[in-house]
Amino acid sequence: MANSAVEIGIAHAPHEVPASFEIGKLGMWVFLAGETMLFGGLMGVFVLVAIYHGGWGSDGAHVDWHLGAINTFILFTSSLTAALAQGAARIQDSARAKRYLSATALLGVLFLVIKSFEYAGDYRDGFTPLSALFWSFYYLMTGLHVLHLLAGVVVIFGLILMVGPRTPASWLERKLKYVCLYWYFVETVWVLLFALVYLSPPAGQ
């Protein structure tokens, strides 16, 4: 009986909590690995098809790389504010972490607004997913990225609403590790998409 009591006590000891957190972190990495395979597969096919056709020709020249560059800068800035939020939580400053987190979410919304205007311009100019193979890839890959970024924005806003004056900074720091890891992934995917889609060389080059 004594041994059983000791075993129960050990099972619920405080030092077991970090272990469960590491399992959660592993789960996030597994999820991101799957998403990496998804985007990596699409990008790989995009590149192979482009090589086969000798480039995307005039279709690739119609994307607005200026808006793409602006959105790239916005995501870089949002990753910086996300990192600052993590740093603030690490020094037990929940209020500052919340402000930086709010900036990250607002930058994400700005990205979505600009991307919406870009989509509207593409449709207005007659470039739809059925216009050409390039545009099918364009809408599929950037559309998936938009959905992932939108999900990140929703999660960040939800986390902001959960943070109050009495919220422990240690709790916020743990949550931010997950959220920021996902956000950095979304940023990295966009950088690759920008390089592949917006900076695609024309046919013959």
N, C-alpha and C. Protein backbone atom coordinates (compact mmCIF):
# COMPACT_ATOMS: atom_id res chain seq x y z
N MET A 1 0.83 -1.20 0.00
CA MET A 1 0.00 0.00 0.00
C MET A 1 0.86 1.25 0.00
N ALA A 2 1.94 1.22 0.78
CA ALA A 2 2.82 2.38 0.88
C ALA A 2 3.45 2.67 -0.47
N ASN A 3 3.89 1.58 -1.14
CA ASN A 3 4.49 1.77 -2.44
C ASN A 3 3.49 2.35 -3.44
N SER A 4 2.22 1.90 -3.35
CA SER A 4 1.19 2.41 -4.25
C SER A 4 0.97 3.88 -4.03
N ALA A 5 0.96 4.29 -2.75
CA ALA A 5 0.76 5.71 -2.44
C ALA A 5 1.89 6.56 -2.99
N VAL A 6 3.12 6.01 -2.86
CA VAL A 6 4.28 6.75 -3.38
C VAL A 6 4.18 6.89 -4.89
N GLU A 7 3.77 5.78 -5.56
CA GLU A 7 3.65 5.81 -7.02
C GLU A 7 2.61 6.82 -7.46
N ILE A 8 1.47 6.90 -6.73
CA ILE A 8 0.43 7.87 -7.06
C ILE A 8 0.94 9.28 -6.89
N GLY A 9 1.69 9.50 -5.82
CA GLY A 9 2.24 10.82 -5.57
C GLY A 9 3.20 11.24 -6.66
N ILE A 10 4.02 10.29 -7.11
CA ILE A 10 4.96 10.60 -8.17
C ILE A 10 4.24 10.90 -9.47
N ALA A 11 3.16 10.16 -9.73
CA ALA A 11 2.42 10.33 -10.98
C ALA A 11 1.84 11.72 -11.10
N HIS A 12 1.51 12.35 -9.94
CA HIS A 12 0.88 13.65 -9.96
C HIS A 12 1.83 14.74 -9.49
N ALA A 13 3.12 14.43 -9.46
CA ALA A 13 4.09 15.42 -9.00
C ALA A 13 4.17 16.56 -9.99
N PRO A 14 4.50 17.78 -9.51
CA PRO A 14 4.56 18.94 -10.40
C PRO A 14 5.53 18.79 -11.56
N HIS A 15 6.61 17.98 -11.35
CA HIS A 15 7.59 17.90 -12.42
C HIS A 15 7.08 17.16 -13.64
N GLU A 16 5.87 16.56 -13.55
CA GLU A 16 5.30 15.86 -14.70
C GLU A 16 4.67 16.84 -15.69
N VAL A 17 4.35 18.05 -15.26
CA VAL A 17 3.66 19.01 -16.12
C VAL A 17 4.48 19.39 -17.34
N PRO A 18 5.79 19.70 -17.20
CA PRO A 18 6.57 20.01 -18.38
C PRO A 18 6.60 18.89 -19.40
N ALA A 19 6.54 17.63 -18.92
CA ALA A 19 6.56 16.50 -19.83
C ALA A 19 5.35 16.53 -20.74
N SER A 20 4.15 16.83 -20.17
CA SER A 20 2.94 16.90 -20.98
C SER A 20 3.03 18.04 -21.98
N PHE A 21 3.68 19.12 -21.55
CA PHE A 21 3.86 20.25 -22.46
C PHE A 21 4.74 19.86 -23.64
N GLU A 22 5.79 19.11 -23.39
CA GLU A 22 6.67 18.68 -24.46
C GLU A 22 5.94 17.78 -25.43
N ILE A 23 5.00 16.98 -24.92
CA ILE A 23 4.20 16.14 -25.81
C ILE A 23 3.36 17.03 -26.73
N GLY A 24 2.80 18.10 -26.16
CA GLY A 24 2.03 19.04 -26.97
C GLY A 24 2.89 19.71 -28.02
N LYS A 25 4.12 20.05 -27.65
CA LYS A 25 5.04 20.68 -28.58
C LYS A 25 5.40 19.71 -29.71
N LEU A 26 5.59 18.44 -29.34
CA LEU A 26 5.86 17.42 -30.35
C LEU A 26 4.69 17.31 -31.31
N GLY A 27 3.47 17.38 -30.75
CA GLY A 27 2.27 17.31 -31.60
C GLY A 27 2.23 18.45 -32.60
N MET A 28 2.63 19.65 -32.15
CA MET A 28 2.67 20.80 -33.05
C MET A 28 3.67 20.59 -34.17
N TRP A 29 4.85 20.04 -33.83
CA TRP A 29 5.87 19.78 -34.84
C TRP A 29 5.39 18.75 -35.85
N VAL A 30 4.67 17.73 -35.37
CA VAL A 30 4.13 16.71 -36.28
C VAL A 30 3.11 17.35 -37.23
N PHE A 31 2.27 18.22 -36.68
CA PHE A 31 1.28 18.92 -37.50
C PHE A 31 1.96 19.77 -38.56
N LEU A 32 2.98 20.53 -38.15
CA LEU A 32 3.68 21.38 -39.10
C LEU A 32 4.44 20.57 -40.14
N ALA A 33 4.91 19.39 -39.74
CA ALA A 33 5.57 18.52 -40.71
C ALA A 33 4.60 18.10 -41.81
N GLY A 34 3.38 17.80 -41.42
CA GLY A 34 2.36 17.45 -42.41
C GLY A 34 2.03 18.61 -43.33
N GLU A 35 1.94 19.81 -42.74
CA GLU A 35 1.66 20.99 -43.55
C GLU A 35 2.83 21.31 -44.49
N THR A 36 4.04 21.04 -44.02
CA THR A 36 5.22 21.25 -44.86
C THR A 36 5.18 20.32 -46.06
N MET A 37 4.75 19.09 -45.85
CA MET A 37 4.63 18.15 -46.96
C MET A 37 3.57 18.62 -47.96
N LEU A 38 2.47 19.18 -47.44
CA LEU A 38 1.40 19.67 -48.31
C LEU A 38 1.91 20.81 -49.20
N PHE A 39 2.45 21.84 -48.57
CA PHE A 39 2.92 22.99 -49.34
C PHE A 39 4.15 22.62 -50.18
N GLY A 40 5.04 21.79 -49.62
CA GLY A 40 6.22 21.38 -50.36
C GLY A 40 5.86 20.60 -51.61
N GLY A 41 4.85 19.73 -51.50
CA GLY A 41 4.40 18.97 -52.66
C GLY A 41 3.85 19.87 -53.75
N LEU A 42 3.01 20.83 -53.35
CA LEU A 42 2.43 21.75 -54.32
C LEU A 42 3.51 22.60 -54.99
N MET A 43 4.44 23.10 -54.19
CA MET A 43 5.51 23.92 -54.76
C MET A 43 6.41 23.10 -55.69
N GLY A 44 6.66 21.85 -55.30
CA GLY A 44 7.48 20.99 -56.13
C GLY A 44 6.85 20.75 -57.49
N VAL A 45 5.54 20.46 -57.50
CA VAL A 45 4.83 20.26 -58.77
C VAL A 45 4.83 21.54 -59.59
N PHE A 46 4.65 22.68 -58.91
CA PHE A 46 4.66 23.99 -59.58
C PHE A 46 5.98 24.20 -60.31
N VAL A 47 7.08 23.91 -59.63
CA VAL A 47 8.41 24.09 -60.23
C VAL A 47 8.62 23.12 -61.39
N LEU A 48 8.24 21.87 -61.22
CA LEU A 48 8.43 20.87 -62.28
C LEU A 48 7.64 21.22 -63.54
N VAL A 49 6.40 21.66 -63.34
CA VAL A 49 5.58 22.05 -64.49
C VAL A 49 6.18 23.28 -65.18
N ALA A 50 6.67 24.22 -64.38
CA ALA A 50 7.30 25.42 -64.96
C ALA A 50 8.53 25.04 -65.78
N ILE A 51 9.33 24.11 -65.27
CA ILE A 51 10.52 23.66 -66.00
C ILE A 51 10.12 22.98 -67.31
N TYR A 52 9.08 22.16 -67.23
CA TYR A 52 8.62 21.43 -68.41
C TYR A 52 8.16 22.39 -69.51
N HIS A 53 7.49 23.47 -69.11
CA HIS A 53 6.97 24.43 -70.08
C HIS A 53 7.95 25.57 -70.38
N GLY A 54 9.12 25.53 -69.74
CA GLY A 54 10.08 26.59 -69.96
C GLY A 54 9.71 27.91 -69.32
N GLY A 55 8.97 27.84 -68.24
CA GLY A 55 8.49 29.05 -67.56
C GLY A 55 6.99 29.20 -67.69
N TRP A 56 6.45 30.25 -67.09
CA TRP A 56 5.00 30.45 -67.12
C TRP A 56 4.57 31.50 -68.13
N GLY A 57 5.52 32.06 -68.84
CA GLY A 57 5.17 33.00 -69.90
C GLY A 57 4.48 34.25 -69.37
N SER A 58 3.52 34.75 -70.15
CA SER A 58 2.84 36.00 -69.80
C SER A 58 1.95 35.85 -68.58
N ASP A 59 1.49 34.63 -68.29
CA ASP A 59 0.63 34.43 -67.12
C ASP A 59 1.35 34.82 -65.84
N GLY A 60 2.60 34.37 -65.72
CA GLY A 60 3.37 34.70 -64.53
C GLY A 60 3.71 36.17 -64.43
N ALA A 61 3.70 36.87 -65.55
CA ALA A 61 4.04 38.29 -65.54
C ALA A 61 2.89 39.16 -65.06
N HIS A 62 1.70 38.61 -64.96
CA HIS A 62 0.53 39.41 -64.58
C HIS A 62 0.33 39.52 -63.07
N VAL A 63 1.03 38.73 -62.28
CA VAL A 63 0.86 38.85 -60.82
C VAL A 63 1.48 40.16 -60.35
N ASP A 64 0.87 40.76 -59.35
CA ASP A 64 1.34 42.05 -58.84
C ASP A 64 2.41 41.82 -57.77
N TRP A 65 3.66 41.83 -58.20
CA TRP A 65 4.74 41.54 -57.25
C TRP A 65 4.91 42.68 -56.25
N HIS A 66 4.44 43.87 -56.59
CA HIS A 66 4.52 44.98 -55.64
C HIS A 66 3.69 44.69 -54.39
N LEU A 67 2.45 44.23 -54.61
CA LEU A 67 1.60 43.87 -53.48
C LEU A 67 2.18 42.67 -52.75
N GLY A 68 2.74 41.74 -53.50
CA GLY A 68 3.36 40.59 -52.87
C GLY A 68 4.53 40.99 -51.99
N ALA A 69 5.32 41.95 -52.44
CA ALA A 69 6.45 42.43 -51.65
C ALA A 69 5.98 43.15 -50.39
N ILE A 70 4.92 43.94 -50.53
CA ILE A 70 4.37 44.64 -49.36
C ILE A 70 3.90 43.63 -48.32
N ASN A 71 3.19 42.60 -48.78
CA ASN A 71 2.71 41.59 -47.84
C ASN A 71 3.86 40.80 -47.22
N THR A 72 4.93 40.62 -47.98
CA THR A 72 6.11 39.95 -47.42
C THR A 72 6.69 40.78 -46.28
N PHE A 73 6.80 42.08 -46.49
CA PHE A 73 7.30 42.98 -45.44
C PHE A 73 6.37 42.96 -44.22
N ILE A 74 5.07 42.92 -44.47
CA ILE A 74 4.10 42.89 -43.37
C ILE A 74 4.28 41.63 -42.53
N LEU A 75 4.47 40.49 -43.19
CA LEU A 75 4.64 39.24 -42.44
C LEU A 75 5.96 39.21 -41.69
N PHE A 76 7.01 39.77 -42.29
CA PHE A 76 8.28 39.87 -41.58
C PHE A 76 8.10 40.69 -40.30
N THR A 77 7.39 41.81 -40.42
CA THR A 77 7.15 42.67 -39.26
C THR A 77 6.30 41.96 -38.21
N SER A 78 5.30 41.21 -38.67
CA SER A 78 4.44 40.50 -37.72
C SER A 78 5.21 39.42 -36.96
N SER A 79 6.18 38.80 -37.62
CA SER A 79 7.01 37.81 -36.93
C SER A 79 7.88 38.48 -35.88
N LEU A 80 8.32 39.70 -36.18
CA LEU A 80 9.09 40.46 -35.20
C LEU A 80 8.25 40.78 -33.97
N THR A 81 7.02 41.24 -34.18
CA THR A 81 6.16 41.56 -33.03
C THR A 81 5.79 40.29 -32.26
N ALA A 82 5.66 39.16 -32.97
CA ALA A 82 5.39 37.90 -32.28
C ALA A 82 6.57 37.51 -31.39
N ALA A 83 7.78 37.70 -31.91
CA ALA A 83 8.98 37.39 -31.12
C ALA A 83 9.08 38.33 -29.92
N LEU A 84 8.71 39.59 -30.10
CA LEU A 84 8.72 40.55 -28.98
C LEU A 84 7.68 40.17 -27.93
N ALA A 85 6.55 39.63 -28.38
CA ALA A 85 5.53 39.16 -27.44
C ALA A 85 6.06 38.01 -26.60
N GLN A 86 6.77 37.10 -27.25
CA GLN A 86 7.39 36.00 -26.52
C GLN A 86 8.41 36.52 -25.51
N GLY A 87 9.21 37.48 -25.93
CA GLY A 87 10.21 38.04 -25.03
C GLY A 87 9.58 38.73 -23.83
N ALA A 88 8.49 39.45 -24.06
CA ALA A 88 7.80 40.13 -22.96
C ALA A 88 7.22 39.13 -21.98
N ALA A 89 6.63 38.06 -22.50
CA ALA A 89 6.08 37.02 -21.62
C ALA A 89 7.17 36.34 -20.83
N ARG A 90 8.35 36.21 -21.43
CA ARG A 90 9.46 35.54 -20.77
C ARG A 90 9.96 36.34 -19.56
N ILE A 91 9.81 37.67 -19.61
CA ILE A 91 10.23 38.50 -18.47
C ILE A 91 9.03 38.87 -17.60
N GLN A 92 7.96 38.10 -17.74
CA GLN A 92 6.78 38.23 -16.89
C GLN A 92 6.00 39.53 -17.11
N ASP A 93 6.04 40.08 -18.32
CA ASP A 93 5.30 41.31 -18.63
C ASP A 93 4.13 40.96 -19.55
N SER A 94 3.04 40.50 -18.97
CA SER A 94 1.88 40.05 -19.75
C SER A 94 1.24 41.19 -20.53
N ALA A 95 1.20 42.38 -19.94
CA ALA A 95 0.56 43.51 -20.60
C ALA A 95 1.28 43.87 -21.90
N ARG A 96 2.61 43.93 -21.85
CA ARG A 96 3.38 44.24 -23.05
C ARG A 96 3.26 43.11 -24.06
N ALA A 97 3.27 41.88 -23.58
CA ALA A 97 3.12 40.73 -24.49
C ALA A 97 1.79 40.81 -25.22
N LYS A 98 0.75 41.23 -24.52
CA LYS A 98 -0.57 41.34 -25.13
C LYS A 98 -0.58 42.43 -26.20
N ARG A 99 0.11 43.53 -25.96
CA ARG A 99 0.17 44.61 -26.95
C ARG A 99 0.89 44.14 -28.22
N TYR A 100 2.02 43.47 -28.04
CA TYR A 100 2.75 42.97 -29.21
C TYR A 100 1.95 41.91 -29.95
N LEU A 101 1.23 41.10 -29.19
CA LEU A 101 0.39 40.07 -29.80
C LEU A 101 -0.74 40.70 -30.60
N SER A 102 -1.29 41.78 -30.08
CA SER A 102 -2.35 42.50 -30.81
C SER A 102 -1.80 43.08 -32.11
N ALA A 103 -0.58 43.60 -32.06
CA ALA A 103 0.05 44.13 -33.27
C ALA A 103 0.24 43.03 -34.31
N THR A 104 0.62 41.85 -33.84
CA THR A 104 0.80 40.71 -34.75
C THR A 104 -0.50 40.36 -35.45
N ALA A 105 -1.58 40.31 -34.68
CA ALA A 105 -2.89 39.97 -35.25
C ALA A 105 -3.35 41.03 -36.24
N LEU A 106 -3.15 42.30 -35.91
CA LEU A 106 -3.57 43.38 -36.80
C LEU A 106 -2.77 43.38 -38.10
N LEU A 107 -1.49 43.05 -38.01
CA LEU A 107 -0.68 42.94 -39.22
C LEU A 107 -1.16 41.77 -40.08
N GLY A 108 -1.59 40.70 -39.41
CA GLY A 108 -2.16 39.58 -40.15
C GLY A 108 -3.43 39.98 -40.88
N VAL A 109 -4.27 40.77 -40.22
CA VAL A 109 -5.50 41.26 -40.85
C VAL A 109 -5.16 42.16 -42.04
N LEU A 110 -4.15 43.01 -41.88
CA LEU A 110 -3.73 43.89 -42.97
C LEU A 110 -3.28 43.06 -44.18
N PHE A 111 -2.53 42.00 -43.92
CA PHE A 111 -2.12 41.09 -44.99
C PHE A 111 -3.34 40.56 -45.73
N LEU A 112 -4.35 40.12 -45.00
CA LEU A 112 -5.55 39.55 -45.61
C LEU A 112 -6.31 40.59 -46.42
N VAL A 113 -6.36 41.82 -45.93
CA VAL A 113 -7.05 42.89 -46.66
C VAL A 113 -6.35 43.16 -47.99
N ILE A 114 -5.02 43.28 -47.95
CA ILE A 114 -4.27 43.53 -49.18
C ILE A 114 -4.42 42.37 -50.15
N LYS A 115 -4.38 41.15 -49.63
CA LYS A 115 -4.53 39.98 -50.49
C LYS A 115 -5.92 39.93 -51.11
N SER A 116 -6.94 40.39 -50.37
CA SER A 116 -8.30 40.43 -50.90
C SER A 116 -8.39 41.41 -52.07
N PHE A 117 -7.76 42.58 -51.93
CA PHE A 117 -7.73 43.54 -53.02
C PHE A 117 -6.99 42.97 -54.23
N GLU A 118 -5.94 42.21 -53.96
CA GLU A 118 -5.18 41.61 -55.05
C GLU A 118 -6.03 40.58 -55.80
N TYR A 119 -6.73 39.73 -55.04
CA TYR A 119 -7.62 38.76 -55.67
C TYR A 119 -8.70 39.46 -56.50
N ALA A 120 -9.26 40.53 -55.96
CA ALA A 120 -10.31 41.27 -56.67
C ALA A 120 -9.77 41.84 -57.98
N GLY A 121 -8.54 42.37 -57.94
CA GLY A 121 -7.93 42.89 -59.16
C GLY A 121 -7.67 41.81 -60.18
N ASP A 122 -7.24 40.63 -59.72
CA ASP A 122 -7.00 39.51 -60.63
C ASP A 122 -8.29 39.09 -61.33
N TYR A 123 -9.37 38.99 -60.55
CA TYR A 123 -10.65 38.60 -61.13
C TYR A 123 -11.16 39.68 -62.09
N ARG A 124 -10.96 40.93 -61.73
CA ARG A 124 -11.42 42.03 -62.58
C ARG A 124 -10.69 42.00 -63.93
N ASP A 125 -9.43 41.57 -63.91
CA ASP A 125 -8.65 41.50 -65.15
C ASP A 125 -8.88 40.20 -65.91
N GLY A 126 -9.77 39.35 -65.39
CA GLY A 126 -10.12 38.13 -66.09
C GLY A 126 -9.26 36.93 -65.77
N PHE A 127 -8.45 37.03 -64.69
CA PHE A 127 -7.59 35.91 -64.31
C PHE A 127 -8.26 35.11 -63.19
N THR A 128 -8.83 33.99 -63.55
CA THR A 128 -9.53 33.12 -62.62
C THR A 128 -8.78 31.79 -62.52
N PRO A 129 -9.18 30.92 -61.59
CA PRO A 129 -8.50 29.61 -61.49
C PRO A 129 -8.58 28.78 -62.76
N LEU A 130 -9.55 29.10 -63.64
CA LEU A 130 -9.73 28.33 -64.88
C LEU A 130 -9.08 29.01 -66.08
N SER A 131 -8.45 30.16 -65.86
CA SER A 131 -7.86 30.90 -66.98
C SER A 131 -6.67 30.16 -67.59
N ALA A 132 -5.83 29.62 -66.75
CA ALA A 132 -4.63 28.91 -67.21
C ALA A 132 -4.10 28.08 -66.05
N LEU A 133 -3.19 27.17 -66.35
CA LEU A 133 -2.64 26.30 -65.32
C LEU A 133 -1.90 27.11 -64.25
N PHE A 134 -1.22 28.17 -64.67
CA PHE A 134 -0.52 29.02 -63.70
C PHE A 134 -1.48 29.56 -62.66
N TRP A 135 -2.64 30.04 -63.12
CA TRP A 135 -3.59 30.65 -62.19
C TRP A 135 -4.25 29.60 -61.31
N SER A 136 -4.36 28.38 -61.79
CA SER A 136 -4.88 27.31 -60.95
C SER A 136 -3.92 27.08 -59.77
N PHE A 137 -2.62 27.02 -60.05
CA PHE A 137 -1.62 26.88 -59.00
C PHE A 137 -1.63 28.10 -58.09
N TYR A 138 -1.71 29.27 -58.70
CA TYR A 138 -1.68 30.52 -57.94
C TYR A 138 -2.78 30.57 -56.88
N TYR A 139 -4.00 30.32 -57.31
CA TYR A 139 -5.12 30.41 -56.37
C TYR A 139 -5.10 29.27 -55.36
N LEU A 140 -4.66 28.09 -55.78
CA LEU A 140 -4.61 26.96 -54.86
C LEU A 140 -3.58 27.20 -53.76
N MET A 141 -2.37 27.58 -54.13
CA MET A 141 -1.30 27.72 -53.15
C MET A 141 -1.49 28.96 -52.27
N THR A 142 -1.80 30.10 -52.90
CA THR A 142 -1.99 31.30 -52.09
C THR A 142 -3.28 31.22 -51.28
N GLY A 143 -4.29 30.54 -51.84
CA GLY A 143 -5.55 30.38 -51.10
C GLY A 143 -5.36 29.53 -49.85
N LEU A 144 -4.60 28.44 -49.98
CA LEU A 144 -4.29 27.61 -48.81
C LEU A 144 -3.51 28.41 -47.77
N HIS A 145 -2.59 29.23 -48.26
CA HIS A 145 -1.82 30.05 -47.32
C HIS A 145 -2.72 31.05 -46.60
N VAL A 146 -3.64 31.66 -47.33
CA VAL A 146 -4.58 32.61 -46.73
C VAL A 146 -5.40 31.92 -45.63
N LEU A 147 -5.85 30.70 -45.89
CA LEU A 147 -6.64 29.97 -44.88
C LEU A 147 -5.80 29.70 -43.64
N HIS A 148 -4.54 29.34 -43.83
CA HIS A 148 -3.66 29.09 -42.68
C HIS A 148 -3.40 30.38 -41.90
N LEU A 149 -3.20 31.47 -42.63
CA LEU A 149 -2.96 32.74 -41.95
C LEU A 149 -4.21 33.21 -41.21
N LEU A 150 -5.36 33.03 -41.83
CA LEU A 150 -6.62 33.40 -41.18
C LEU A 150 -6.82 32.61 -39.89
N ALA A 151 -6.50 31.31 -39.94
CA ALA A 151 -6.61 30.49 -38.74
C ALA A 151 -5.68 31.01 -37.65
N GLY A 152 -4.47 31.42 -38.03
CA GLY A 152 -3.53 31.97 -37.06
C GLY A 152 -4.04 33.25 -36.44
N VAL A 153 -4.63 34.12 -37.25
CA VAL A 153 -5.18 35.38 -36.74
C VAL A 153 -6.30 35.11 -35.74
N VAL A 154 -7.18 34.16 -36.07
CA VAL A 154 -8.29 33.82 -35.16
C VAL A 154 -7.76 33.30 -33.83
N VAL A 155 -6.76 32.43 -33.89
CA VAL A 155 -6.17 31.88 -32.66
C VAL A 155 -5.52 32.98 -31.83
N ILE A 156 -4.82 33.89 -32.50
CA ILE A 156 -4.16 34.98 -31.77
C ILE A 156 -5.18 35.88 -31.09
N PHE A 157 -6.24 36.23 -31.81
CA PHE A 157 -7.29 37.06 -31.20
C PHE A 157 -7.94 36.33 -30.03
N GLY A 158 -8.13 35.01 -30.17
CA GLY A 158 -8.69 34.23 -29.07
C GLY A 158 -7.78 34.25 -27.86
N LEU A 159 -6.47 34.14 -28.09
CA LEU A 159 -5.51 34.18 -27.00
C LEU A 159 -5.50 35.55 -26.34
N ILE A 160 -5.62 36.61 -27.14
CA ILE A 160 -5.66 37.96 -26.59
C ILE A 160 -6.85 38.13 -25.65
N LEU A 161 -8.00 37.60 -26.05
CA LEU A 161 -9.20 37.71 -25.22
C LEU A 161 -9.06 36.94 -23.91
N MET A 162 -8.22 35.91 -23.91
CA MET A 162 -8.04 35.09 -22.71
C MET A 162 -7.06 35.72 -21.73
N VAL A 163 -6.29 36.69 -22.19
CA VAL A 163 -5.27 37.30 -21.33
C VAL A 163 -5.88 38.47 -20.57
N GLY A 164 -5.84 38.39 -19.25
CA GLY A 164 -6.36 39.44 -18.38
C GLY A 164 -5.29 39.95 -17.43
N PRO A 165 -5.64 40.89 -16.57
CA PRO A 165 -4.66 41.46 -15.63
C PRO A 165 -4.02 40.42 -14.72
N ARG A 166 -4.76 39.34 -14.42
CA ARG A 166 -4.25 38.32 -13.50
C ARG A 166 -3.72 37.09 -14.22
N THR A 167 -3.60 37.16 -15.52
CA THR A 167 -3.11 36.01 -16.27
C THR A 167 -1.63 35.79 -15.98
N PRO A 168 -1.24 34.60 -15.53
CA PRO A 168 0.18 34.34 -15.26
C PRO A 168 1.01 34.43 -16.54
N ALA A 169 2.11 35.13 -16.47
CA ALA A 169 2.98 35.28 -17.64
C ALA A 169 3.54 33.93 -18.07
N SER A 170 3.74 33.02 -17.13
CA SER A 170 4.26 31.70 -17.47
C SER A 170 3.27 30.93 -18.35
N TRP A 171 1.97 31.08 -18.05
CA TRP A 171 0.93 30.44 -18.87
C TRP A 171 0.93 31.02 -20.27
N LEU A 172 1.02 32.35 -20.35
CA LEU A 172 1.03 33.02 -21.64
C LEU A 172 2.26 32.63 -22.45
N GLU A 173 3.39 32.51 -21.78
CA GLU A 173 4.62 32.13 -22.47
C GLU A 173 4.49 30.76 -23.10
N ARG A 174 3.88 29.82 -22.37
CA ARG A 174 3.69 28.46 -22.91
C ARG A 174 2.80 28.49 -24.15
N LYS A 175 1.71 29.25 -24.09
CA LYS A 175 0.79 29.33 -25.22
C LYS A 175 1.46 29.99 -26.43
N LEU A 176 2.27 31.00 -26.15
CA LEU A 176 2.93 31.71 -27.24
C LEU A 176 3.93 30.84 -27.98
N LYS A 177 4.51 29.87 -27.30
CA LYS A 177 5.44 28.98 -27.97
C LYS A 177 4.75 28.23 -29.11
N TYR A 178 3.51 27.81 -28.86
CA TYR A 178 2.75 27.12 -29.89
C TYR A 178 2.33 28.09 -31.00
N VAL A 179 1.73 29.20 -30.58
CA VAL A 179 1.19 30.16 -31.55
C VAL A 179 2.28 30.73 -32.44
N CYS A 180 3.40 31.13 -31.84
CA CYS A 180 4.48 31.74 -32.62
C CYS A 180 5.15 30.73 -33.54
N LEU A 181 5.26 29.51 -33.10
CA LEU A 181 5.84 28.47 -33.95
C LEU A 181 5.00 28.33 -35.23
N TYR A 182 3.69 28.33 -35.05
CA TYR A 182 2.78 28.25 -36.20
C TYR A 182 2.91 29.49 -37.07
N TRP A 183 3.00 30.66 -36.43
CA TRP A 183 3.06 31.92 -37.18
C TRP A 183 4.35 32.01 -38.00
N TYR A 184 5.46 31.56 -37.43
CA TYR A 184 6.72 31.56 -38.17
C TYR A 184 6.65 30.63 -39.38
N PHE A 185 5.94 29.53 -39.20
CA PHE A 185 5.75 28.60 -40.32
C PHE A 185 4.97 29.28 -41.45
N VAL A 186 3.90 29.98 -41.09
CA VAL A 186 3.09 30.67 -42.09
C VAL A 186 3.92 31.72 -42.83
N GLU A 187 4.76 32.43 -42.10
CA GLU A 187 5.63 33.43 -42.73
C GLU A 187 6.61 32.77 -43.71
N THR A 188 7.21 31.66 -43.28
CA THR A 188 8.18 30.97 -44.13
C THR A 188 7.54 30.48 -45.42
N VAL A 189 6.34 29.94 -45.31
CA VAL A 189 5.63 29.46 -46.50
C VAL A 189 5.38 30.61 -47.46
N TRP A 190 4.99 31.78 -46.91
CA TRP A 190 4.72 32.91 -47.79
C TRP A 190 5.99 33.37 -48.51
N VAL A 191 7.11 33.41 -47.82
CA VAL A 191 8.37 33.82 -48.45
C VAL A 191 8.69 32.91 -49.63
N LEU A 192 8.48 31.62 -49.47
CA LEU A 192 8.72 30.68 -50.56
C LEU A 192 7.73 30.89 -51.70
N LEU A 193 6.47 31.14 -51.36
CA LEU A 193 5.47 31.39 -52.39
C LEU A 193 5.79 32.68 -53.15
N PHE A 194 6.23 33.67 -52.44
CA PHE A 194 6.57 34.94 -53.09
C PHE A 194 7.71 34.73 -54.10
N ALA A 195 8.70 33.97 -53.68
CA ALA A 195 9.84 33.72 -54.57
C ALA A 195 9.44 32.90 -55.80
N LEU A 196 8.58 31.90 -55.59
CA LEU A 196 8.21 31.01 -56.68
C LEU A 196 7.15 31.59 -57.61
N VAL A 197 6.13 32.21 -57.02
CA VAL A 197 4.98 32.66 -57.80
C VAL A 197 5.16 34.08 -58.33
N TYR A 198 5.57 34.99 -57.46
CA TYR A 198 5.64 36.39 -57.85
C TYR A 198 6.91 36.72 -58.63
N LEU A 199 7.94 35.96 -58.41
CA LEU A 199 9.22 36.25 -59.08
C LEU A 199 9.56 35.19 -60.12
N SER A 200 8.55 34.51 -60.63
CA SER A 200 8.77 33.48 -61.66
C SER A 200 9.30 34.12 -62.94
N PRO A 201 10.40 33.57 -63.48
CA PRO A 201 10.93 34.12 -64.73
C PRO A 201 10.01 33.83 -65.89
N PRO A 202 9.93 34.74 -66.86
CA PRO A 202 9.09 34.49 -68.04
C PRO A 202 9.65 33.36 -68.91
N ALA A 203 8.85 32.88 -69.80
CA ALA A 203 9.27 31.77 -70.66
C ALA A 203 10.51 32.14 -71.45
N GLY A 204 11.40 31.15 -71.57
CA GLY A 204 12.59 31.35 -72.35
C GLY A 204 13.77 31.90 -71.57
N GLN A 205 13.56 32.21 -70.28
CA GLN A 205 14.65 32.75 -69.46
C GLN A 205 15.05 31.77 -68.41
